[in-house]
PDB file of all heavy atoms in Angstrom:
ATOM      1  N   ASN A   1     112.718 110.210 108.477  1.00  0.00           N
ATOM      2  CA  ASN A   1     111.824 110.859 107.523  1.00  0.00           C
ATOM      3  C   ASN A   1     111.209 109.814 106.626  1.00  0.00           C
ATOM      4  O   ASN A   1     111.907 109.090 105.966  1.00  0.00           O
ATOM      5  CB  ASN A   1     112.566 111.878 106.632  1.00  0.00           C
ATOM      6  CG  ASN A   1     111.721 112.623 105.702  1.00  0.00           C
ATOM      7  OD1 ASN A   1     111.193 112.062 104.663  1.00  0.00           O
ATOM      8  ND2 ASN A   1     111.579 113.895 105.873  1.00  0.00           N
ATOM      9  N   GLN A   2     109.889 109.739 106.733  1.00  0.00           N
ATOM     10  CA  GLN A   2     109.175 108.627 106.039  1.00  0.00           C
ATOM     11  C   GLN A   2     109.380 108.525 104.487  1.00  0.00           C
ATOM     12  O   GLN A   2     109.664 107.415 103.922  1.00  0.00           O
ATOM     13  CB  GLN A   2     107.697 108.591 106.270  1.00  0.00           C
ATOM     14  CG  GLN A   2     106.929 107.402 105.712  1.00  0.00           C
ATOM     15  CD  GLN A   2     105.550 107.284 106.282  1.00  0.00           C
ATOM     16  OE1 GLN A   2     105.285 107.810 107.314  1.00  0.00           O
ATOM     17  NE2 GLN A   2     104.801 106.334 105.738  1.00  0.00           N
ATOM     18  N   ASN A   3     109.282 109.800 103.845  1.00  0.00           N
ATOM     19  CA  ASN A   3     109.490 109.780 102.415  1.00  0.00           C
ATOM     20  C   ASN A   3     110.831 109.314 101.978  1.00  0.00           C
ATOM     21  O   ASN A   3     110.969 108.590 100.977  1.00  0.00           O
ATOM     22  CB  ASN A   3     109.103 111.123 101.910  1.00  0.00           C
ATOM     23  CG  ASN A   3     107.632 111.499 101.985  1.00  0.00           C
ATOM     24  OD1 ASN A   3     106.796 110.577 101.791  1.00  0.00           O
ATOM     25  ND2 ASN A   3     107.294 112.736 102.141  1.00  0.00           N
ATOM     26  N   MET A   4     111.784 109.838 102.710  1.00  0.00           N
ATOM     27  CA  MET A   4     113.191 109.486 102.323  1.00  0.00           C
ATOM     28  C   MET A   4     113.509 108.069 102.648  1.00  0.00           C
ATOM     29  O   MET A   4     114.290 107.396 101.753  1.00  0.00           O
ATOM     30  CB  MET A   4     114.285 110.445 103.109  1.00  0.00           C
ATOM     31  CG  MET A   4     114.070 111.956 102.716  1.00  0.00           C
ATOM     32  SD  MET A   4     115.209 112.979 103.485  1.00  0.00           S
ATOM     33  CE  MET A   4     116.774 112.570 102.688  1.00  0.00           C
ATOM     34  N   LEU A   5     112.995 107.576 103.738  1.00  0.00           N
ATOM     35  CA  LEU A   5     113.248 106.164 104.102  1.00  0.00           C
ATOM     36  C   LEU A   5     112.528 105.156 103.042  1.00  0.00           C
ATOM     37  O   LEU A   5     113.139 104.254 102.616  1.00  0.00           O
ATOM     38  CB  LEU A   5     112.666 105.894 105.534  1.00  0.00           C
ATOM     39  CG  LEU A   5     113.216 104.644 106.262  1.00  0.00           C
ATOM     40  CD1 LEU A   5     114.642 104.790 106.412  1.00  0.00           C
ATOM     41  CD2 LEU A   5     112.519 104.546 107.671  1.00  0.00           C
ATOM     42  N   LEU A   6     111.401 105.584 102.634  1.00  0.00           N
ATOM     43  CA  LEU A   6     110.676 104.817 101.542  1.00  0.00           C
ATOM     44  C   LEU A   6     111.489 104.797 100.203  1.00  0.00           C
ATOM     45  O   LEU A   6     111.628 103.772  99.578  1.00  0.00           O
ATOM     46  CB  LEU A   6     109.336 105.440 101.306  1.00  0.00           C
ATOM     47  CG  LEU A   6     108.140 104.877 102.133  1.00  0.00           C
ATOM     48  CD1 LEU A   6     106.933 105.673 101.903  1.00  0.00           C
ATOM     49  CD2 LEU A   6     107.904 103.384 101.900  1.00  0.00           C
ATOM     50  N   ARG A   7     112.059 105.988  99.904  1.00  0.00           N
ATOM     51  CA  ARG A   7     112.805 106.039  98.706  1.00  0.00           C
ATOM     52  C   ARG A   7     114.105 105.136  98.761  1.00  0.00           C
ATOM     53  O   ARG A   7     114.556 104.483  97.799  1.00  0.00           O
ATOM     54  CB  ARG A   7     113.331 107.510  98.463  1.00  0.00           C
ATOM     55  CG  ARG A   7     112.213 108.544  98.242  1.00  0.00           C
ATOM     56  CD  ARG A   7     111.147 108.055  97.205  1.00  0.00           C
ATOM     57  NE  ARG A   7     111.694 107.559  95.961  1.00  0.00           N
ATOM     58  CZ  ARG A   7     111.341 106.492  95.329  1.00  0.00           C
ATOM     59  NH1 ARG A   7     110.308 105.747  95.960  1.00  0.00           N
ATOM     60  NH2 ARG A   7     111.743 106.103  94.264  1.00  0.00           N
ATOM     61  N   ILE A   8     114.789 105.076  99.945  1.00  0.00           N
ATOM     62  CA  ILE A   8     115.960 104.210 100.086  1.00  0.00           C
ATOM     63  C   ILE A   8     115.528 102.736  99.887  1.00  0.00           C
ATOM     64  O   ILE A   8     116.171 102.092  99.109  1.00  0.00           O
ATOM     65  CB  ILE A   8     116.545 104.390 101.488  1.00  0.00           C
ATOM     66  CG1 ILE A   8     117.100 105.743 101.660  1.00  0.00           C
ATOM     67  CG2 ILE A   8     117.569 103.411 101.753  1.00  0.00           C
ATOM     68  CD1 ILE A   8     117.433 106.206 103.143  1.00  0.00           C
ATOM     69  N   PHE A   9     114.540 102.306 100.595  1.00  0.00           N
ATOM     70  CA  PHE A   9     114.087 100.921 100.472  1.00  0.00           C
ATOM     71  C   PHE A   9     113.525 100.603  99.090  1.00  0.00           C
ATOM     72  O   PHE A   9     113.820  99.584  98.496  1.00  0.00           O
ATOM     73  CB  PHE A   9     112.994 100.704 101.553  1.00  0.00           C
ATOM     74  CG  PHE A   9     113.455 100.706 102.905  1.00  0.00           C
ATOM     75  CD1 PHE A   9     112.587 101.073 104.052  1.00  0.00           C
ATOM     76  CD2 PHE A   9     114.863 100.535 103.274  1.00  0.00           C
ATOM     77  CE1 PHE A   9     113.052 101.140 105.363  1.00  0.00           C
ATOM     78  CE2 PHE A   9     115.226 100.688 104.583  1.00  0.00           C
ATOM     79  CZ  PHE A   9     114.356 100.912 105.622  1.00  0.00           C
ATOM     80  N   ASP A  10     112.806 101.527  98.537  1.00  0.00           N
ATOM     81  CA  ASP A  10     112.194 101.269  97.187  1.00  0.00           C
ATOM     82  C   ASP A  10     113.363 101.157  96.178  1.00  0.00           C
ATOM     83  O   ASP A  10     113.274 100.203  95.264  1.00  0.00           O
ATOM     84  CB  ASP A  10     111.356 102.433  96.710  1.00  0.00           C
ATOM     85  CG  ASP A  10     109.940 102.449  97.332  1.00  0.00           C
ATOM     86  OD1 ASP A  10     109.636 101.452  98.039  1.00  0.00           O
ATOM     87  OD2 ASP A  10     109.098 103.335  96.901  1.00  0.00           O
ATOM     88  N   ASN A  11     114.334 102.007  96.299  1.00  0.00           N
ATOM     89  CA  ASN A  11     115.443 101.991  95.344  1.00  0.00           C
ATOM     90  C   ASN A  11     116.233 100.626  95.439  1.00  0.00           C
ATOM     91  O   ASN A  11     116.595 100.070  94.383  1.00  0.00           O
ATOM     92  CB  ASN A  11     116.424 103.084  95.612  1.00  0.00           C
ATOM     93  CG  ASN A  11     117.494 103.143  94.471  1.00  0.00           C
ATOM     94  OD1 ASN A  11     117.218 103.285  93.347  1.00  0.00           O
ATOM     95  ND2 ASN A  11     118.677 102.975  94.914  1.00  0.00           N
ATOM     96  N   LEU A  12     116.473 100.222  96.648  1.00  0.00           N
ATOM     97  CA  LEU A  12     117.248  98.908  96.803  1.00  0.00           C
ATOM     98  C   LEU A  12     116.438  97.647  96.435  1.00  0.00           C
ATOM     99  O   LEU A  12     117.028  96.838  95.729  1.00  0.00           O
ATOM    100  CB  LEU A  12     117.655  98.747  98.317  1.00  0.00           C
ATOM    101  CG  LEU A  12     118.580  99.858  98.825  1.00  0.00           C
ATOM    102  CD1 LEU A  12     118.790  99.672 100.288  1.00  0.00           C
ATOM    103  CD2 LEU A  12     119.953  99.853  98.079  1.00  0.00           C
ATOM    104  N   ILE A  13     115.135  97.733  96.657  1.00  0.00           N
ATOM    105  CA  ILE A  13     114.319  96.649  96.220  1.00  0.00           C
ATOM    106  C   ILE A  13     114.136  96.514  94.767  1.00  0.00           C
ATOM    107  O   ILE A  13     114.214  95.537  94.091  1.00  0.00           O
ATOM    108  CB  ILE A  13     112.990  96.659  96.899  1.00  0.00           C
ATOM    109  CG1 ILE A  13     113.107  96.436  98.445  1.00  0.00           C
ATOM    110  CG2 ILE A  13     111.955  95.549  96.337  1.00  0.00           C
ATOM    111  CD1 ILE A  13     111.896  96.633  99.226  1.00  0.00           C
ATOM    112  N   SER A  14     113.970  97.735  94.131  1.00  0.00           N
ATOM    113  CA  SER A  14     113.822  97.822  92.634  1.00  0.00           C
ATOM    114  C   SER A  14     115.081  97.535  91.896  1.00  0.00           C
ATOM    115  O   SER A  14     115.080  96.857  90.878  1.00  0.00           O
ATOM    116  CB  SER A  14     113.243  99.207  92.199  1.00  0.00           C
ATOM    117  OG  SER A  14     114.349 100.177  92.526  1.00  0.00           O
ATOM    118  N   ASN A  15     116.225  97.833  92.515  1.00  0.00           N
ATOM    119  CA  ASN A  15     117.507  97.402  91.937  1.00  0.00           C
ATOM    120  C   ASN A  15     117.834  95.932  91.957  1.00  0.00           C
ATOM    121  O   ASN A  15     118.260  95.375  91.040  1.00  0.00           O
ATOM    122  CB  ASN A  15     118.740  98.233  92.635  1.00  0.00           C
ATOM    123  CG  ASN A  15     119.040  99.552  91.997  1.00  0.00           C
ATOM    124  OD1 ASN A  15     119.600  99.553  90.889  1.00  0.00           O
ATOM    125  ND2 ASN A  15     118.587 100.569  92.650  1.00  0.00           N
ATOM    126  N   ALA A  16     117.381  95.353  93.044  1.00  0.00           N
ATOM    127  CA  ALA A  16     117.532  93.908  93.183  1.00  0.00           C
ATOM    128  C   ALA A  16     116.547  93.272  92.186  1.00  0.00           C
ATOM    129  O   ALA A  16     116.920  92.180  91.666  1.00  0.00           O
ATOM    130  CB  ALA A  16     117.198  93.431  94.555  1.00  0.00           C
ATOM    131  N   LEU A  17     115.413  93.796  91.983  1.00  0.00           N
ATOM    132  CA  LEU A  17     114.445  93.171  90.979  1.00  0.00           C
ATOM    133  C   LEU A  17     114.977  93.314  89.512  1.00  0.00           C
ATOM    134  O   LEU A  17     114.958  92.251  88.749  1.00  0.00           O
ATOM    135  CB  LEU A  17     113.128  94.016  91.016  1.00  0.00           C
ATOM    136  CG  LEU A  17     112.113  93.633  89.909  1.00  0.00           C
ATOM    137  CD1 LEU A  17     111.568  92.184  90.133  1.00  0.00           C
ATOM    138  CD2 LEU A  17     110.954  94.687  89.933  1.00  0.00           C
ATOM    139  N   LYS A  18     115.567  94.439  89.225  1.00  0.00           N
ATOM    140  CA  LYS A  18     116.040  94.636  87.821  1.00  0.00           C
ATOM    141  C   LYS A  18     117.446  93.962  87.506  1.00  0.00           C
ATOM    142  O   LYS A  18     117.705  93.560  86.458  1.00  0.00           O
ATOM    143  CB  LYS A  18     116.113  96.049  87.521  1.00  0.00           C
ATOM    144  CG  LYS A  18     116.362  96.404  86.038  1.00  0.00           C
ATOM    145  CD  LYS A  18     115.973  97.810  85.740  1.00  0.00           C
ATOM    146  CE  LYS A  18     115.947  98.011  84.202  1.00  0.00           C
ATOM    147  NZ  LYS A  18     115.605  99.449  83.869  1.00  0.00           N
ATOM    148  N   HIS A  19     118.222  93.949  88.537  1.00  0.00           N
ATOM    149  CA  HIS A  19     119.647  93.464  88.280  1.00  0.00           C
ATOM    150  C   HIS A  19     120.062  92.168  89.065  1.00  0.00           C
ATOM    151  O   HIS A  19     121.182  91.815  89.160  1.00  0.00           O
ATOM    152  CB  HIS A  19     120.712  94.612  88.699  1.00  0.00           C
ATOM    153  CG  HIS A  19     120.311  95.882  88.004  1.00  0.00           C
ATOM    154  ND1 HIS A  19     120.708  96.050  86.619  1.00  0.00           N
ATOM    155  CD2 HIS A  19     119.778  97.021  88.384  1.00  0.00           C
ATOM    156  CE1 HIS A  19     120.385  97.314  86.291  1.00  0.00           C
ATOM    157  NE2 HIS A  19     119.756  97.802  87.302  1.00  0.00           N
ATOM    158  N   GLY A  20     119.015  91.537  89.695  1.00  0.00           N
ATOM    159  CA  GLY A  20     119.270  90.276  90.454  1.00  0.00           C
ATOM    160  C   GLY A  20     118.520  89.119  89.873  1.00  0.00           C
ATOM    161  O   GLY A  20     117.713  89.190  88.939  1.00  0.00           O
ATOM    162  N   GLU A  21     118.853  88.005  90.373  1.00  0.00           N
ATOM    163  CA  GLU A  21     118.269  86.736  90.086  1.00  0.00           C
ATOM    164  C   GLU A  21     117.670  86.082  91.380  1.00  0.00           C
ATOM    165  O   GLU A  21     118.173  86.204  92.436  1.00  0.00           O
ATOM    166  CB  GLU A  21     119.138  85.833  89.265  1.00  0.00           C
ATOM    167  CG  GLU A  21     119.704  86.441  88.013  1.00  0.00           C
ATOM    168  CD  GLU A  21     120.717  85.576  87.336  1.00  0.00           C
ATOM    169  OE1 GLU A  21     121.071  84.500  87.982  1.00  0.00           O
ATOM    170  OE2 GLU A  21     121.208  85.884  86.331  1.00  0.00           O
ATOM    171  N   GLY A  22     116.673  85.234  91.197  1.00  0.00           N
ATOM    172  CA  GLY A  22     116.153  84.419  92.299  1.00  0.00           C
ATOM    173  C   GLY A  22     115.416  85.369  93.301  1.00  0.00           C
ATOM    174  O   GLY A  22     115.054  86.468  93.039  1.00  0.00           O
ATOM    175  N   ASP A  23     115.232  84.825  94.535  1.00  0.00           N
ATOM    176  CA  ASP A  23     114.551  85.591  95.570  1.00  0.00           C
ATOM    177  C   ASP A  23     115.429  86.688  96.180  1.00  0.00           C
ATOM    178  O   ASP A  23     116.581  86.487  96.243  1.00  0.00           O
ATOM    179  CB  ASP A  23     113.976  84.633  96.599  1.00  0.00           C
ATOM    180  CG  ASP A  23     112.945  83.706  96.103  1.00  0.00           C
ATOM    181  OD1 ASP A  23     112.433  83.930  94.989  1.00  0.00           O
ATOM    182  OD2 ASP A  23     112.751  82.553  96.738  1.00  0.00           O
ATOM    183  N   LEU A  24     114.716  87.668  96.719  1.00  0.00           N
ATOM    184  CA  LEU A  24     115.417  88.693  97.477  1.00  0.00           C
ATOM    185  C   LEU A  24     115.166  88.476  98.958  1.00  0.00           C
ATOM    186  O   LEU A  24     113.870  88.296  99.292  1.00  0.00           O
ATOM    187  CB  LEU A  24     114.906  90.125  97.048  1.00  0.00           C
ATOM    188  CG  LEU A  24     115.395  91.225  97.985  1.00  0.00           C
ATOM    189  CD1 LEU A  24     116.842  91.511  97.914  1.00  0.00           C
ATOM    190  CD2 LEU A  24     114.552  92.589  97.624  1.00  0.00           C
ATOM    191  N   THR A  25     116.159  88.425  99.727  1.00  0.00           N
ATOM    192  CA  THR A  25     116.024  88.208 101.121  1.00  0.00           C
ATOM    193  C   THR A  25     116.183  89.597 101.912  1.00  0.00           C
ATOM    194  O   THR A  25     117.278  90.167 101.756  1.00  0.00           O
ATOM    195  CB  THR A  25     116.857  87.180 101.649  1.00  0.00           C
ATOM    196  OG1 THR A  25     116.560  85.842 101.099  1.00  0.00           O
ATOM    197  CG2 THR A  25     116.634  86.950 103.248  1.00  0.00           C
ATOM    198  N   VAL A  26     115.344  90.080 102.708  1.00  0.00           N
ATOM    199  CA  VAL A  26     115.409  91.298 103.450  1.00  0.00           C
ATOM    200  C   VAL A  26     115.381  90.898 104.890  1.00  0.00           C
ATOM    201  O   VAL A  26     114.395  90.372 105.374  1.00  0.00           O
ATOM    202  CB  VAL A  26     114.314  92.299 103.060  1.00  0.00           C
ATOM    203  CG1 VAL A  26     114.587  93.515 103.860  1.00  0.00           C
ATOM    204  CG2 VAL A  26     114.238  92.599 101.621  1.00  0.00           C
ATOM    205  N   THR A  27     116.502  91.136 105.661  1.00  0.00           N
ATOM    206  CA  THR A  27     116.683  90.759 107.035  1.00  0.00           C
ATOM    207  C   THR A  27     116.885  92.069 107.799  1.00  0.00           C
ATOM    208  O   THR A  27     117.600  92.905 107.506  1.00  0.00           O
ATOM    209  CB  THR A  27     117.807  89.874 107.273  1.00  0.00           C
ATOM    210  OG1 THR A  27     117.696  88.666 106.321  1.00  0.00           O
ATOM    211  CG2 THR A  27     117.891  89.420 108.650  1.00  0.00           C
ATOM    212  N   VAL A  28     116.120  92.083 108.973  1.00  0.00           N
ATOM    213  CA  VAL A  28     116.200  93.165 109.961  1.00  0.00           C
ATOM    214  C   VAL A  28     116.811  92.626 111.240  1.00  0.00           C
ATOM    215  O   VAL A  28     116.297  91.625 111.797  1.00  0.00           O
ATOM    216  CB  VAL A  28     114.804  93.890 110.244  1.00  0.00           C
ATOM    217  CG1 VAL A  28     115.020  94.929 111.211  1.00  0.00           C
ATOM    218  CG2 VAL A  28     114.213  94.388 108.957  1.00  0.00           C
ATOM    219  N   GLN A  29     117.905  93.161 111.695  1.00  0.00           N
ATOM    220  CA  GLN A  29     118.584  92.796 112.904  1.00  0.00           C
ATOM    221  C   GLN A  29     118.592  93.999 113.801  1.00  0.00           C
ATOM    222  O   GLN A  29     118.973  95.058 113.448  1.00  0.00           O
ATOM    223  CB  GLN A  29     119.971  92.231 112.594  1.00  0.00           C
ATOM    224  CG  GLN A  29     119.920  91.132 111.679  1.00  0.00           C
ATOM    225  CD  GLN A  29     121.296  90.693 111.072  1.00  0.00           C
ATOM    226  OE1 GLN A  29     122.241  91.561 111.164  1.00  0.00           O
ATOM    227  NE2 GLN A  29     121.484  89.551 110.517  1.00  0.00           N
ATOM    228  N   ASN A  30     118.514  93.729 115.132  1.00  0.00           N
ATOM    229  CA  ASN A  30     118.578  94.799 116.136  1.00  0.00           C
ATOM    230  C   ASN A  30     119.497  94.357 117.224  1.00  0.00           C
ATOM    231  O   ASN A  30     119.120  93.610 118.157  1.00  0.00           O
ATOM    232  CB  ASN A  30     117.255  95.168 116.756  1.00  0.00           C
ATOM    233  CG  ASN A  30     117.318  96.287 117.685  1.00  0.00           C
ATOM    234  OD1 ASN A  30     118.391  97.044 117.794  1.00  0.00           O
ATOM    235  ND2 ASN A  30     116.187  96.610 118.324  1.00  0.00           N
ATOM    236  N   THR A  31     120.802  94.748 117.111  1.00  0.00           N
ATOM    237  CA  THR A  31     121.777  94.454 118.183  1.00  0.00           C
ATOM    238  C   THR A  31     122.547  95.643 118.597  1.00  0.00           C
ATOM    239  O   THR A  31     123.734  95.784 118.443  1.00  0.00           O
ATOM    240  CB  THR A  31     122.808  93.482 117.481  1.00  0.00           C
ATOM    241  OG1 THR A  31     123.401  94.182 116.405  1.00  0.00           O
ATOM    242  CG2 THR A  31     122.227  92.096 117.071  1.00  0.00           C
ATOM    243  N   GLY A  32     121.763  96.586 119.177  1.00  0.00           N
ATOM    244  CA  GLY A  32     122.277  97.888 119.565  1.00  0.00           C
ATOM    245  C   GLY A  32     122.173  98.866 118.381  1.00  0.00           C
ATOM    246  O   GLY A  32     122.009  99.982 118.559  1.00  0.00           O
ATOM    247  N   GLN A  33     122.407  98.378 117.186  1.00  0.00           N
ATOM    248  CA  GLN A  33     122.122  99.193 115.929  1.00  0.00           C
ATOM    249  C   GLN A  33     121.155  98.291 115.084  1.00  0.00           C
ATOM    250  O   GLN A  33     121.062  97.220 115.176  1.00  0.00           O
ATOM    251  CB  GLN A  33     123.500  99.413 115.157  1.00  0.00           C
ATOM    252  CG  GLN A  33     124.384 100.404 115.726  1.00  0.00           C
ATOM    253  CD  GLN A  33     125.600 100.572 114.913  1.00  0.00           C
ATOM    254  OE1 GLN A  33     126.171  99.603 114.349  1.00  0.00           O
ATOM    255  NE2 GLN A  33     125.946 101.853 114.680  1.00  0.00           N
ATOM    256  N   ILE A  34     120.329  99.138 114.326  1.00  0.00           N
ATOM    257  CA  ILE A  34     119.423  98.497 113.423  1.00  0.00           C
ATOM    258  C   ILE A  34     120.030  98.236 112.092  1.00  0.00           C
ATOM    259  O   ILE A  34     120.509  99.145 111.450  1.00  0.00           O
ATOM    260  CB  ILE A  34     118.136  99.376 113.289  1.00  0.00           C
ATOM    261  CG1 ILE A  34     117.459  99.606 114.630  1.00  0.00           C
ATOM    262  CG2 ILE A  34     117.134  98.759 112.214  1.00  0.00           C
ATOM    263  CD1 ILE A  34     116.358 100.583 114.567  1.00  0.00           C
ATOM    264  N   ARG A  35     120.099  97.025 111.659  1.00  0.00           N
ATOM    265  CA  ARG A  35     120.814  96.642 110.562  1.00  0.00           C
ATOM    266  C   ARG A  35     119.736  95.938 109.496  1.00  0.00           C
ATOM    267  O   ARG A  35     119.203  94.910 109.842  1.00  0.00           O
ATOM    268  CB  ARG A  35     121.871  95.609 110.884  1.00  0.00           C
ATOM    269  CG  ARG A  35     122.746  95.190 109.650  1.00  0.00           C
ATOM    270  CD  ARG A  35     123.806  94.126 110.244  1.00  0.00           C
ATOM    271  NE  ARG A  35     124.513  93.423 109.269  1.00  0.00           N
ATOM    272  CZ  ARG A  35     125.753  93.775 108.742  1.00  0.00           C
ATOM    273  NH1 ARG A  35     126.320  94.842 109.321  1.00  0.00           N
ATOM    274  NH2 ARG A  35     126.354  93.070 107.836  1.00  0.00           N
ATOM    275  N   ILE A  36     119.665  96.529 108.272  1.00  0.00           N
ATOM    276  CA  ILE A  36     118.731  95.923 107.305  1.00  0.00           C
ATOM    277  C   ILE A  36     119.594  95.476 106.173  1.00  0.00           C
ATOM    278  O   ILE A  36     120.291  96.257 105.571  1.00  0.00           O
ATOM    279  CB  ILE A  36     117.821  97.017 106.842  1.00  0.00           C
ATOM    280  CG1 ILE A  36     117.021  97.687 107.968  1.00  0.00           C
ATOM    281  CG2 ILE A  36     116.682  96.397 105.869  1.00  0.00           C
ATOM    282  CD1 ILE A  36     117.430  99.095 108.216  1.00  0.00           C
ATOM    283  N   VAL A  37     119.517  94.180 105.928  1.00  0.00           N
ATOM    284  CA  VAL A  37     120.334  93.534 104.881  1.00  0.00           C
ATOM    285  C   VAL A  37     119.464  93.198 103.686  1.00  0.00           C
ATOM    286  O   VAL A  37     118.503  92.394 103.846  1.00  0.00           O
ATOM    287  CB  VAL A  37     121.102  92.297 105.448  1.00  0.00           C
ATOM    288  CG1 VAL A  37     121.965  91.711 104.332  1.00  0.00           C
ATOM    289  CG2 VAL A  37     121.961  92.703 106.640  1.00  0.00           C
ATOM    290  N   PHE A  38     119.864  93.529 102.441  1.00  0.00           N
ATOM    291  CA  PHE A  38     119.152  93.181 101.298  1.00  0.00           C
ATOM    292  C   PHE A  38     120.122  92.242 100.534  1.00  0.00           C
ATOM    293  O   PHE A  38     121.215  92.637 100.137  1.00  0.00           O
ATOM    294  CB  PHE A  38     118.868  94.320 100.310  1.00  0.00           C
ATOM    295  CG  PHE A  38     117.903  95.355 100.994  1.00  0.00           C
ATOM    296  CD1 PHE A  38     118.417  96.241 101.972  1.00  0.00           C
ATOM    297  CD2 PHE A  38     116.591  95.460 100.664  1.00  0.00           C
ATOM    298  CE1 PHE A  38     117.565  97.189 102.587  1.00  0.00           C
ATOM    299  CE2 PHE A  38     115.797  96.298 101.375  1.00  0.00           C
ATOM    300  CZ  PHE A  38     116.263  97.189 102.286  1.00  0.00           C
ATOM    301  N   GLU A  39     119.716  90.968 100.305  1.00  0.00           N
ATOM    302  CA  GLU A  39     120.618  89.947  99.723  1.00  0.00           C
ATOM    303  C   GLU A  39     119.936  89.241  98.580  1.00  0.00           C
ATOM    304  O   GLU A  39     118.729  88.734  98.690  1.00  0.00           O
ATOM    305  CB  GLU A  39     121.037  88.963 100.790  1.00  0.00           C
ATOM    306  CG  GLU A  39     121.951  87.793 100.273  1.00  0.00           C
ATOM    307  CD  GLU A  39     122.380  86.914 101.368  1.00  0.00           C
ATOM    308  OE1 GLU A  39     122.806  87.341 102.432  1.00  0.00           O
ATOM    309  OE2 GLU A  39     122.367  85.704 101.160  1.00  0.00           O
ATOM    310  N   ASN A  40     120.658  89.050  97.488  1.00  0.00           N
ATOM    311  CA  ASN A  40     120.167  88.348  96.351  1.00  0.00           C
ATOM    312  C   ASN A  40     121.385  87.894  95.451  1.00  0.00           C
ATOM    313  O   ASN A  40     122.503  88.327  95.649  1.00  0.00           O
ATOM    314  CB  ASN A  40     119.156  89.068  95.530  1.00  0.00           C
ATOM    315  CG  ASN A  40     119.670  90.298  94.813  1.00  0.00           C
ATOM    316  OD1 ASN A  40     120.314  91.075  95.429  1.00  0.00           O
ATOM    317  ND2 ASN A  40     119.509  90.311  93.441  1.00  0.00           N
ATOM    318  N   ILE A  41     121.041  87.181  94.383  1.00  0.00           N
ATOM    319  CA  ILE A  41     122.022  86.788  93.407  1.00  0.00           C
ATOM    320  C   ILE A  41     122.162  87.853  92.379  1.00  0.00           C
ATOM    321  O   ILE A  41     121.149  88.218  91.793  1.00  0.00           O
ATOM    322  CB  ILE A  41     121.801  85.432  92.786  1.00  0.00           C
ATOM    323  CG1 ILE A  41     121.575  84.396  93.871  1.00  0.00           C
ATOM    324  CG2 ILE A  41     122.836  85.123  91.804  1.00  0.00           C
ATOM    325  CD1 ILE A  41     122.839  84.096  94.625  1.00  0.00           C
ATOM    326  N   LEU A  42     123.433  88.392  92.071  1.00  0.00           N
ATOM    327  CA  LEU A  42     123.522  89.469  91.141  1.00  0.00           C
ATOM    328  C   LEU A  42     123.747  88.973  89.725  1.00  0.00           C
ATOM    329  O   LEU A  42     124.572  87.988  89.488  1.00  0.00           O
ATOM    330  CB  LEU A  42     124.735  90.328  91.562  1.00  0.00           C
ATOM    331  CG  LEU A  42     124.896  91.681  90.873  1.00  0.00           C
ATOM    332  CD1 LEU A  42     123.654  92.611  91.216  1.00  0.00           C
ATOM    333  CD2 LEU A  42     126.196  92.373  91.360  1.00  0.00           C
ATOM    334  N   SER A  43     122.991  89.474  88.870  1.00  0.00           N
ATOM    335  CA  SER A  43     123.128  89.089  87.347  1.00  0.00           C
ATOM    336  C   SER A  43     124.200  89.899  86.657  1.00  0.00           C
ATOM    337  O   SER A  43     124.567  89.540  85.502  1.00  0.00           O
ATOM    338  CB  SER A  43     121.841  89.244  86.708  1.00  0.00           C
ATOM    339  OG  SER A  43     121.374  90.616  86.729  1.00  0.00           O
ATOM    340  N   THR A  44     124.793  90.975  87.337  1.00  0.00           N
ATOM    341  CA  THR A  44     125.793  91.728  86.625  1.00  0.00           C
ATOM    342  C   THR A  44     127.120  91.331  86.963  1.00  0.00           C
ATOM    343  O   THR A  44     127.562  91.336  88.237  1.00  0.00           O
ATOM    344  CB  THR A  44     125.622  93.244  87.046  1.00  0.00           C
ATOM    345  OG1 THR A  44     124.319  93.676  86.837  1.00  0.00           O
ATOM    346  CG2 THR A  44     126.581  94.123  86.278  1.00  0.00           C
TER     347      THR A  44
END
């Protein structure tokens, strides 16, 4: 569902913006399962 998928990604990216430091790295991997990793330095 596009709207729900956008809300998931938006929320994770905005949380990283507000509560993280430095760059945010978003990685997509496809190894039988689709894995999306959001990684950054946490300020909390």
